[in-house]
Amino acid sequence: MKTIILTLSAAKDLDALPLDARELVESGLHRYAMTGQGDVKRLQGREGFRLRIGNYRVIFDENLTTILAIYVGRRDTATYKRR
């Protein structure tokens, strides 16, 4: 299992989600950390990956032991432009 670390902005993003969406994102992120399973793709044009969980996206970096979540939120036109 990998350790999940949220940046301050990702933690604020997650807290701002409705309760049901927050639980969905948290369970999807934990599932990926434990099993490596999930809809994950490498980002184009910048470093990192995205995890798709329904209409929500988690933008993250990872190494062998940790997942660093950078952004959590609903997919929209600005999702991949955040840094």
PDB file of N, CA and C in Angstrom:
ATOM      1  N   MET A   1       0.850  -1.191   0.000  1.00  0.00           N
ATOM      2  CA  MET A   1       0.000   0.000   0.000  1.00  0.00           C
ATOM      3  C   MET A   1       0.889   1.246   0.000  1.00  0.00           C
ATOM      4  N   LYS A   2       0.500   2.208  -0.815  1.00  0.00           N
ATOM      5  CA  LYS A   2       1.209   3.482  -0.861  1.00  0.00           C
ATOM      6  C   LYS A   2       0.574   4.458   0.116  1.00  0.00           C
ATOM      7  N   THR A   3       1.388   5.375   0.623  1.00  0.00           N
ATOM      8  CA  THR A   3       0.901   6.415   1.514  1.00  0.00           C
ATOM      9  C   THR A   3       0.306   7.539   0.673  1.00  0.00           C
ATOM     10  N   ILE A   4      -0.866   8.025   1.055  1.00  0.00           N
ATOM     11  CA  ILE A   4      -1.523   9.119   0.341  1.00  0.00           C
ATOM     12  C   ILE A   4      -1.253  10.417   1.082  1.00  0.00           C
ATOM     13  N   ILE A   5      -0.719  11.397   0.373  1.00  0.00           N
ATOM     14  CA  ILE A   5      -0.456  12.719   0.930  1.00  0.00           C
ATOM     15  C   ILE A   5      -1.215  13.738   0.096  1.00  0.00           C
ATOM     16  N   LEU A   6      -1.948  14.612   0.756  1.00  0.00           N
ATOM     17  CA  LEU A   6      -2.670  15.679   0.063  1.00  0.00           C
ATOM     18  C   LEU A   6      -1.940  16.998   0.267  1.00  0.00           C
ATOM     19  N   THR A   7      -1.767  17.755  -0.811  1.00  0.00           N
ATOM     20  CA  THR A   7      -1.260  19.111  -0.638  1.00  0.00           C
ATOM     21  C   THR A   7      -2.342  19.914   0.064  1.00  0.00           C
ATOM     22  N   LEU A   8      -1.990  21.074   0.575  1.00  0.00           N
ATOM     23  CA  LEU A   8      -2.970  21.915   1.257  1.00  0.00           C
ATOM     24  C   LEU A   8      -4.131  22.260   0.323  1.00  0.00           C
ATOM     25  N   SER A   9      -3.825  22.599  -0.929  1.00  0.00           N
ATOM     26  CA  SER A   9      -4.898  22.951  -1.860  1.00  0.00           C
ATOM     27  C   SER A   9      -5.760  21.737  -2.201  1.00  0.00           C
ATOM     28  N   ALA A  10      -5.175  20.551  -2.317  1.00  0.00           N
ATOM     29  CA  ALA A  10      -5.958  19.350  -2.592  1.00  0.00           C
ATOM     30  C   ALA A  10      -6.856  19.004  -1.403  1.00  0.00           C
ATOM     31  N   ALA A  11      -6.354  19.204  -0.189  1.00  0.00           N
ATOM     32  CA  ALA A  11      -7.174  18.963   1.003  1.00  0.00           C
ATOM     33  C   ALA A  11      -8.362  19.924   1.041  1.00  0.00           C
ATOM     34  N   LYS A  12      -8.131  21.184   0.678  1.00  0.00           N
ATOM     35  CA  LYS A  12      -9.225  22.162   0.630  1.00  0.00           C
ATOM     36  C   LYS A  12     -10.221  21.791  -0.461  1.00  0.00           C
ATOM     37  N   ASP A  13      -9.707  21.349  -1.622  1.00  0.00           N
ATOM     38  CA  ASP A  13     -10.588  20.910  -2.715  1.00  0.00           C
ATOM     39  C   ASP A  13     -11.465  19.752  -2.264  1.00  0.00           C
ATOM     40  N   LEU A  14     -10.866  18.787  -1.589  1.00  0.00           N
ATOM     41  CA  LEU A  14     -11.608  17.614  -1.130  1.00  0.00           C
ATOM     42  C   LEU A  14     -12.658  18.005  -0.091  1.00  0.00           C
ATOM     43  N   ASP A  15     -12.307  18.887   0.827  1.00  0.00           N
ATOM     44  CA  ASP A  15     -13.260  19.335   1.847  1.00  0.00           C
ATOM     45  C   ASP A  15     -14.435  20.103   1.241  1.00  0.00           C
ATOM     46  N   ALA A  16     -14.218  20.749   0.097  1.00  0.00           N
ATOM     47  CA  ALA A  16     -15.267  21.544  -0.532  1.00  0.00           C
ATOM     48  C   ALA A  16     -16.277  20.694  -1.297  1.00  0.00           C
ATOM     49  N   LEU A  17     -15.959  19.429  -1.543  1.00  0.00           N
ATOM     50  CA  LEU A  17     -16.875  18.558  -2.276  1.00  0.00           C
ATOM     51  C   LEU A  17     -18.059  18.172  -1.398  1.00  0.00           C
ATOM     52  N   PRO A  18     -19.204  17.886  -2.030  1.00  0.00           N
ATOM     53  CA  PRO A  18     -20.339  17.348  -1.267  1.00  0.00           C
ATOM     54  C   PRO A  18     -19.940  16.012  -0.624  1.00  0.00           C
ATOM     55  N   LEU A  19     -20.580  15.653   0.453  1.00  0.00           N
ATOM     56  CA  LEU A  19     -20.208  14.472   1.229  1.00  0.00           C
ATOM     57  C   LEU A  19     -20.159  13.203   0.389  1.00  0.00           C
ATOM     58  N   ASP A  20     -21.172  12.962  -0.441  1.00  0.00           N
ATOM     59  CA  ASP A  20     -21.179  11.735  -1.242  1.00  0.00           C
ATOM     60  C   ASP A  20     -20.037  11.712  -2.251  1.00  0.00           C
ATOM     61  N   ALA A  21     -19.737  12.849  -2.853  1.00  0.00           N
ATOM     62  CA  ALA A  21     -18.626  12.929  -3.803  1.00  0.00           C
ATOM     63  C   ALA A  21     -17.297  12.747  -3.082  1.00  0.00           C
ATOM     64  N   ARG A  22     -17.170  13.328  -1.898  1.00  0.00           N
ATOM     65  CA  ARG A  22     -15.938  13.197  -1.117  1.00  0.00           C
ATOM     66  C   ARG A  22     -15.678  11.734  -0.771  1.00  0.00           C
ATOM     67  N   GLU A  23     -16.715  11.023  -0.347  1.00  0.00           N
ATOM     68  CA  GLU A  23     -16.558   9.609  -0.017  1.00  0.00           C
ATOM     69  C   GLU A  23     -16.180   8.792  -1.243  1.00  0.00           C
ATOM     70  N   LEU A  24     -16.775   9.118  -2.393  1.00  0.00           N
ATOM     71  CA  LEU A  24     -16.464   8.425  -3.643  1.00  0.00           C
ATOM     72  C   LEU A  24     -15.001   8.634  -4.031  1.00  0.00           C
ATOM     73  N   VAL A  25     -14.532   9.868  -3.956  1.00  0.00           N
ATOM     74  CA  VAL A  25     -13.144  10.185  -4.307  1.00  0.00           C
ATOM     75  C   VAL A  25     -12.182   9.524  -3.327  1.00  0.00           C
ATOM     76  N   GLU A  26     -12.480   9.602  -2.046  1.00  0.00           N
ATOM     77  CA  GLU A  26     -11.602   8.985  -1.043  1.00  0.00           C
ATOM     78  C   GLU A  26     -11.506   7.480  -1.247  1.00  0.00           C
ATOM     79  N   SER A  27     -12.627   6.827  -1.507  1.00  0.00           N
ATOM     80  CA  SER A  27     -12.585   5.371  -1.700  1.00  0.00           C
ATOM     81  C   SER A  27     -11.834   5.011  -2.977  1.00  0.00           C
ATOM     82  N   GLY A  28     -12.003   5.796  -4.037  1.00  0.00           N
ATOM     83  CA  GLY A  28     -11.267   5.538  -5.272  1.00  0.00           C
ATOM     84  C   GLY A  28      -9.777   5.734  -5.105  1.00  0.00           C
ATOM     85  N   LEU A  29      -9.385   6.751  -4.356  1.00  0.00           N
ATOM     86  CA  LEU A  29      -7.972   7.015  -4.100  1.00  0.00           C
ATOM     87  C   LEU A  29      -7.361   5.928  -3.225  1.00  0.00           C
ATOM     88  N   HIS A  30      -8.092   5.485  -2.204  1.00  0.00           N
ATOM     89  CA  HIS A  30      -7.605   4.398  -1.348  1.00  0.00           C
ATOM     90  C   HIS A  30      -7.494   3.089  -2.130  1.00  0.00           C
ATOM     91  N   ARG A  31      -8.456   2.839  -2.994  1.00  0.00           N
ATOM     92  CA  ARG A  31      -8.407   1.626  -3.821  1.00  0.00           C
ATOM     93  C   ARG A  31      -7.167   1.627  -4.693  1.00  0.00           C
ATOM     94  N   TYR A  32      -6.872   2.781  -5.319  1.00  0.00           N
ATOM     95  CA  TYR A  32      -5.685   2.870  -6.160  1.00  0.00           C
ATOM     96  C   TYR A  32      -4.410   2.694  -5.332  1.00  0.00           C
ATOM     97  N   ALA A  33      -4.371   3.289  -4.160  1.00  0.00           N
ATOM     98  CA  ALA A  33      -3.184   3.179  -3.306  1.00  0.00           C
ATOM     99  C   ALA A  33      -2.940   1.744  -2.848  1.00  0.00           C
ATOM    100  N   MET A  34      -4.002   1.001  -2.629  1.00  0.00           N
ATOM    101  CA  MET A  34      -3.857  -0.360  -2.115  1.00  0.00           C
ATOM    102  C   MET A  34      -3.629  -1.385  -3.217  1.00  0.00           C
ATOM    103  N   THR A  35      -4.294  -1.231  -4.360  1.00  0.00           N
ATOM    104  CA  THR A  35      -4.251  -2.268  -5.393  1.00  0.00           C
ATOM    105  C   THR A  35      -3.609  -1.822  -6.697  1.00  0.00           C
ATOM    106  N   GLY A  36      -3.501  -0.514  -6.915  1.00  0.00           N
ATOM    107  CA  GLY A  36      -3.001  -0.022  -8.197  1.00  0.00           C
ATOM    108  C   GLY A  36      -4.058  -0.033  -9.279  1.00  0.00           C
ATOM    109  N   GLN A  37      -5.291  -0.333  -8.905  1.00  0.00           N
ATOM    110  CA  GLN A  37      -6.378  -0.388  -9.877  1.00  0.00           C
ATOM    111  C   GLN A  37      -7.133   0.929  -9.901  1.00  0.00           C
ATOM    112  N   GLY A  38      -7.468   1.372 -11.087  1.00  0.00           N
ATOM    113  CA  GLY A  38      -8.226   2.597 -11.260  1.00  0.00           C
ATOM    114  C   GLY A  38      -7.983   3.136 -12.658  1.00  0.00           C
ATOM    115  N   ASP A  39      -8.775   4.090 -13.057  1.00  0.00           N
ATOM    116  CA  ASP A  39      -8.643   4.695 -14.384  1.00  0.00           C
ATOM    117  C   ASP A  39      -7.584   5.790 -14.301  1.00  0.00           C
ATOM    118  N   VAL A  40      -6.320   5.409 -14.491  1.00  0.00           N
ATOM    119  CA  VAL A  40      -5.195   6.318 -14.348  1.00  0.00           C
ATOM    120  C   VAL A  40      -4.503   6.480 -15.693  1.00  0.00           C
ATOM    121  N   LYS A  41      -4.176   7.727 -16.028  1.00  0.00           N
ATOM    122  CA  LYS A  41      -3.414   8.016 -17.238  1.00  0.00           C
ATOM    123  C   LYS A  41      -2.352   9.048 -16.913  1.00  0.00           C
ATOM    124  N   ARG A  42      -1.229   8.952 -17.620  1.00  0.00           N
ATOM    125  CA  ARG A  42      -0.172   9.953 -17.506  1.00  0.00           C
ATOM    126  C   ARG A  42      -0.651  11.229 -18.190  1.00  0.00           C
ATOM    127  N   LEU A  43      -0.368  12.378 -17.577  1.00  0.00           N
ATOM    128  CA  LEU A  43      -0.756  13.657 -18.164  1.00  0.00           C
ATOM    129  C   LEU A  43       0.156  13.990 -19.340  1.00  0.00           C
ATOM    130  N   GLN A  44      -0.397  14.664 -20.329  1.00  0.00           N
ATOM    131  CA  GLN A  44       0.383  15.107 -21.478  1.00  0.00           C
ATOM    132  C   GLN A  44       0.756  16.567 -21.286  1.00  0.00           C
ATOM    133  N   GLY A  45       1.994  16.901 -21.577  1.00  0.00           N
ATOM    134  CA  GLY A  45       2.419  18.284 -21.511  1.00  0.00           C
ATOM    135  C   GLY A  45       2.859  18.747 -20.138  1.00  0.00           C
ATOM    136  N   ARG A  46       2.787  17.877 -19.156  1.00  0.00           N
ATOM    137  CA  ARG A  46       3.249  18.202 -17.808  1.00  0.00           C
ATOM    138  C   ARG A  46       3.463  16.911 -17.030  1.00  0.00           C
ATOM    139  N   GLU A  47       4.120  17.021 -15.913  1.00  0.00           N
ATOM    140  CA  GLU A  47       4.394  15.858 -15.074  1.00  0.00           C
ATOM    141  C   GLU A  47       3.134  15.427 -14.334  1.00  0.00           C
ATOM    142  N   GLY A  48       3.028  14.160 -14.043  1.00  0.00           N
ATOM    143  CA  GLY A  48       1.962  13.678 -13.187  1.00  0.00           C
ATOM    144  C   GLY A  48       0.986  12.752 -13.877  1.00  0.00           C
ATOM    145  N   PHE A  49      -0.027  12.385 -13.105  1.00  0.00           N
ATOM    146  CA  PHE A  49      -1.056  11.453 -13.550  1.00  0.00           C
ATOM    147  C   PHE A  49      -2.418  12.000 -13.158  1.00  0.00           C
ATOM    148  N   ARG A  50      -3.460  11.408 -13.764  1.00  0.00           N
ATOM    149  CA  ARG A  50      -4.808  11.732 -13.328  1.00  0.00           C
ATOM    150  C   ARG A  50      -5.531  10.431 -13.035  1.00  0.00           C
ATOM    151  N   LEU A  51      -6.323  10.466 -11.975  1.00  0.00           N
ATOM    152  CA  LEU A  51      -7.174   9.347 -11.600  1.00  0.00           C
ATOM    153  C   LEU A  51      -8.606   9.802 -11.812  1.00  0.00           C
ATOM    154  N   ARG A  52      -9.325   9.101 -12.688  1.00  0.00           N
ATOM    155  CA  ARG A  52     -10.717   9.452 -12.955  1.00  0.00           C
ATOM    156  C   ARG A  52     -11.613   8.621 -12.054  1.00  0.00           C
ATOM    157  N   ILE A  53     -12.479   9.311 -11.319  1.00  0.00           N
ATOM    158  CA  ILE A  53     -13.445   8.665 -10.438  1.00  0.00           C
ATOM    159  C   ILE A  53     -14.800   9.296 -10.753  1.00  0.00           C
ATOM    160  N   GLY A  54     -15.537   8.682 -11.663  1.00  0.00           N
ATOM    161  CA  GLY A  54     -16.802   9.263 -12.115  1.00  0.00           C
ATOM    162  C   GLY A  54     -16.556  10.596 -12.794  1.00  0.00           C
ATOM    163  N   ASN A  55     -17.235  11.642 -12.333  1.00  0.00           N
ATOM    164  CA  ASN A  55     -17.052  12.986 -12.889  1.00  0.00           C
ATOM    165  C   ASN A  55     -15.939  13.761 -12.189  1.00  0.00           C
ATOM    166  N   TYR A  56     -15.212  13.107 -11.304  1.00  0.00           N
ATOM    167  CA  TYR A  56     -14.175  13.779 -10.528  1.00  0.00           C
ATOM    168  C   TYR A  56     -12.797  13.315 -10.960  1.00  0.00           C
ATOM    169  N   ARG A  57     -11.818  14.187 -10.764  1.00  0.00           N
ATOM    170  CA  ARG A  57     -10.446  13.884 -11.129  1.00  0.00           C
ATOM    171  C   ARG A  57      -9.523  14.173  -9.949  1.00  0.00           C
ATOM    172  N   VAL A  58      -8.525  13.335  -9.794  1.00  0.00           N
ATOM    173  CA  VAL A  58      -7.449  13.580  -8.840  1.00  0.00           C
ATOM    174  C   VAL A  58      -6.174  13.681  -9.671  1.00  0.00           C
ATOM    175  N   ILE A  59      -5.527  14.824  -9.629  1.00  0.00           N
ATOM    176  CA  ILE A  59      -4.245  15.014 -10.300  1.00  0.00           C
ATOM    177  C   ILE A  59      -3.177  14.731  -9.251  1.00  0.00           C
ATOM    178  N   PHE A  60      -2.224  13.852  -9.579  1.00  0.00           N
ATOM    179  CA  PHE A  60      -1.254  13.442  -8.570  1.00  0.00           C
ATOM    180  C   PHE A  60       0.083  13.072  -9.194  1.00  0.00           C
ATOM    181  N   ASP A  61       1.095  13.041  -8.345  1.00  0.00           N
ATOM    182  CA  ASP A  61       2.410  12.487  -8.654  1.00  0.00           C
ATOM    183  C   ASP A  61       2.585  11.287  -7.736  1.00  0.00           C
ATOM    184  N   GLU A  62       3.417  10.350  -8.143  1.00  0.00           N
ATOM    185  CA  GLU A  62       3.656   9.193  -7.283  1.00  0.00           C
ATOM    186  C   GLU A  62       5.071   8.674  -7.459  1.00  0.00           C
ATOM    187  N   ASN A  63       5.531   7.970  -6.432  1.00  0.00           N
ATOM    188  CA  ASN A  63       6.768   7.213  -6.516  1.00  0.00           C
ATOM    189  C   ASN A  63       6.481   5.829  -5.955  1.00  0.00           C
ATOM    190  N   LEU A  64       7.486   5.095  -5.579  1.00  0.00           N
ATOM    191  CA  LEU A  64       7.269   3.720  -5.131  1.00  0.00           C
ATOM    192  C   LEU A  64       6.487   3.609  -3.828  1.00  0.00           C
ATOM    193  N   THR A  65       6.513   4.645  -2.994  1.00  0.00           N
ATOM    194  CA  THR A  65       5.881   4.535  -1.677  1.00  0.00           C
ATOM    195  C   THR A  65       4.778   5.549  -1.406  1.00  0.00           C
ATOM    196  N   THR A  66       4.687   6.632  -2.189  1.00  0.00           N
ATOM    197  CA  THR A  66       3.707   7.675  -1.882  1.00  0.00           C
ATOM    198  C   THR A  66       2.935   8.142  -3.113  1.00  0.00           C
ATOM    199  N   ILE A  67       1.754   8.636  -2.843  1.00  0.00           N
ATOM    200  CA  ILE A  67       0.931   9.320  -3.832  1.00  0.00           C
ATOM    201  C   ILE A  67       0.717  10.729  -3.303  1.00  0.00           C
ATOM    202  N   LEU A  68       1.128  11.729  -4.071  1.00  0.00           N
ATOM    203  CA  LEU A  68       0.966  13.125  -3.679  1.00  0.00           C
ATOM    204  C   LEU A  68      -0.161  13.728  -4.508  1.00  0.00           C
ATOM    205  N   ALA A  69      -1.333  13.898  -3.899  1.00  0.00           N
ATOM    206  CA  ALA A  69      -2.486  14.478  -4.587  1.00  0.00           C
ATOM    207  C   ALA A  69      -2.316  15.988  -4.652  1.00  0.00           C
ATOM    208  N   ILE A  70      -2.432  16.543  -5.858  1.00  0.00           N
ATOM    209  CA  ILE A  70      -2.231  17.967  -6.089  1.00  0.00           C
ATOM    210  C   ILE A  70      -3.553  18.699  -6.268  1.00  0.00           C
ATOM    211  N   TYR A  71      -4.513  18.041  -6.919  1.00  0.00           N
ATOM    212  CA  TYR A  71      -5.813  18.658  -7.186  1.00  0.00           C
ATOM    213  C   TYR A  71      -6.895  17.597  -7.099  1.00  0.00           C
ATOM    214  N   VAL A  72      -8.024  17.954  -6.528  1.00  0.00           N
ATOM    215  CA  VAL A  72      -9.187  17.080  -6.460  1.00  0.00           C
ATOM    216  C   VAL A  72     -10.393  17.920  -6.849  1.00  0.00           C
ATOM    217  N   GLY A  73     -11.167  17.470  -7.833  1.00  0.00           N
ATOM    218  CA  GLY A  73     -12.362  18.230  -8.188  1.00  0.00           C
ATOM    219  C   GLY A  73     -13.101  17.656  -9.367  1.00  0.00           C
ATOM    220  N   ARG A  74     -14.192  18.306  -9.695  1.00  0.00           N
ATOM    221  CA  ARG A  74     -15.032  17.908 -10.813  1.00  0.00           C
ATOM    222  C   ARG A  74     -14.320  18.234 -12.114  1.00  0.00           C
ATOM    223  N   ARG A  75     -14.482  17.387 -13.093  1.00  0.00           N
ATOM    224  CA  ARG A  75     -13.870  17.603 -14.397  1.00  0.00           C
ATOM    225  C   ARG A  75     -14.538  18.803 -15.061  1.00  0.00           C
ATOM    226  N   ASP A  76     -13.734  19.784 -15.421  1.00  0.00           N
ATOM    227  CA  ASP A  76     -14.222  20.929 -16.195  1.00  0.00           C
ATOM    228  C   ASP A  76     -13.092  21.411 -17.098  1.00  0.00           C
ATOM    229  N   THR A  77     -13.275  22.516 -17.754  1.00  0.00           N
ATOM    230  CA  THR A  77     -12.284  22.979 -18.725  1.00  0.00           C
ATOM    231  C   THR A  77     -10.980  23.427 -18.079  1.00  0.00           C
ATOM    232  N   ALA A  78     -10.976  23.761 -16.802  1.00  0.00           N
ATOM    233  CA  ALA A  78      -9.756  24.247 -16.139  1.00  0.00           C
ATOM    234  C   ALA A  78      -9.066  23.177 -15.296  1.00  0.00           C
ATOM    235  N   THR A  79      -9.593  21.966 -15.270  1.00  0.00           N
ATOM    236  CA  THR A  79      -9.057  20.924 -14.388  1.00  0.00           C
ATOM    237  C   THR A  79      -7.579  20.691 -14.621  1.00  0.00           C
ATOM    238  N   TYR A  80      -7.164  20.566 -15.858  1.00  0.00           N
ATOM    239  CA  TYR A  80      -5.785  20.196 -16.152  1.00  0.00           C
ATOM    240  C   TYR A  80      -4.867  21.398 -16.289  1.00  0.00           C
ATOM    241  N   LYS A  81      -5.390  22.604 -16.146  1.00  0.00           N
ATOM    242  CA  LYS A  81      -4.566  23.800 -16.240  1.00  0.00           C
ATOM    243  C   LYS A  81      -4.029  24.244 -14.885  1.00  0.00           C
ATOM    244  N   ARG A  82      -4.522  23.667 -13.804  1.00  0.00           N
ATOM    245  CA  ARG A  82      -4.045  24.007 -12.457  1.00  0.00           C
ATOM    246  C   ARG A  82      -2.662  23.429 -12.252  1.00  0.00           C
ATOM    247  N   ARG A  83      -1.880  24.073 -11.456  1.00  0.00           N
ATOM    248  CA  ARG A  83      -0.520  23.577 -11.168  1.00  0.00           C
ATOM    249  C   ARG A  83      -0.350  23.359  -9.708  1.00  0.00           C
TER     250      ARG A  83
END
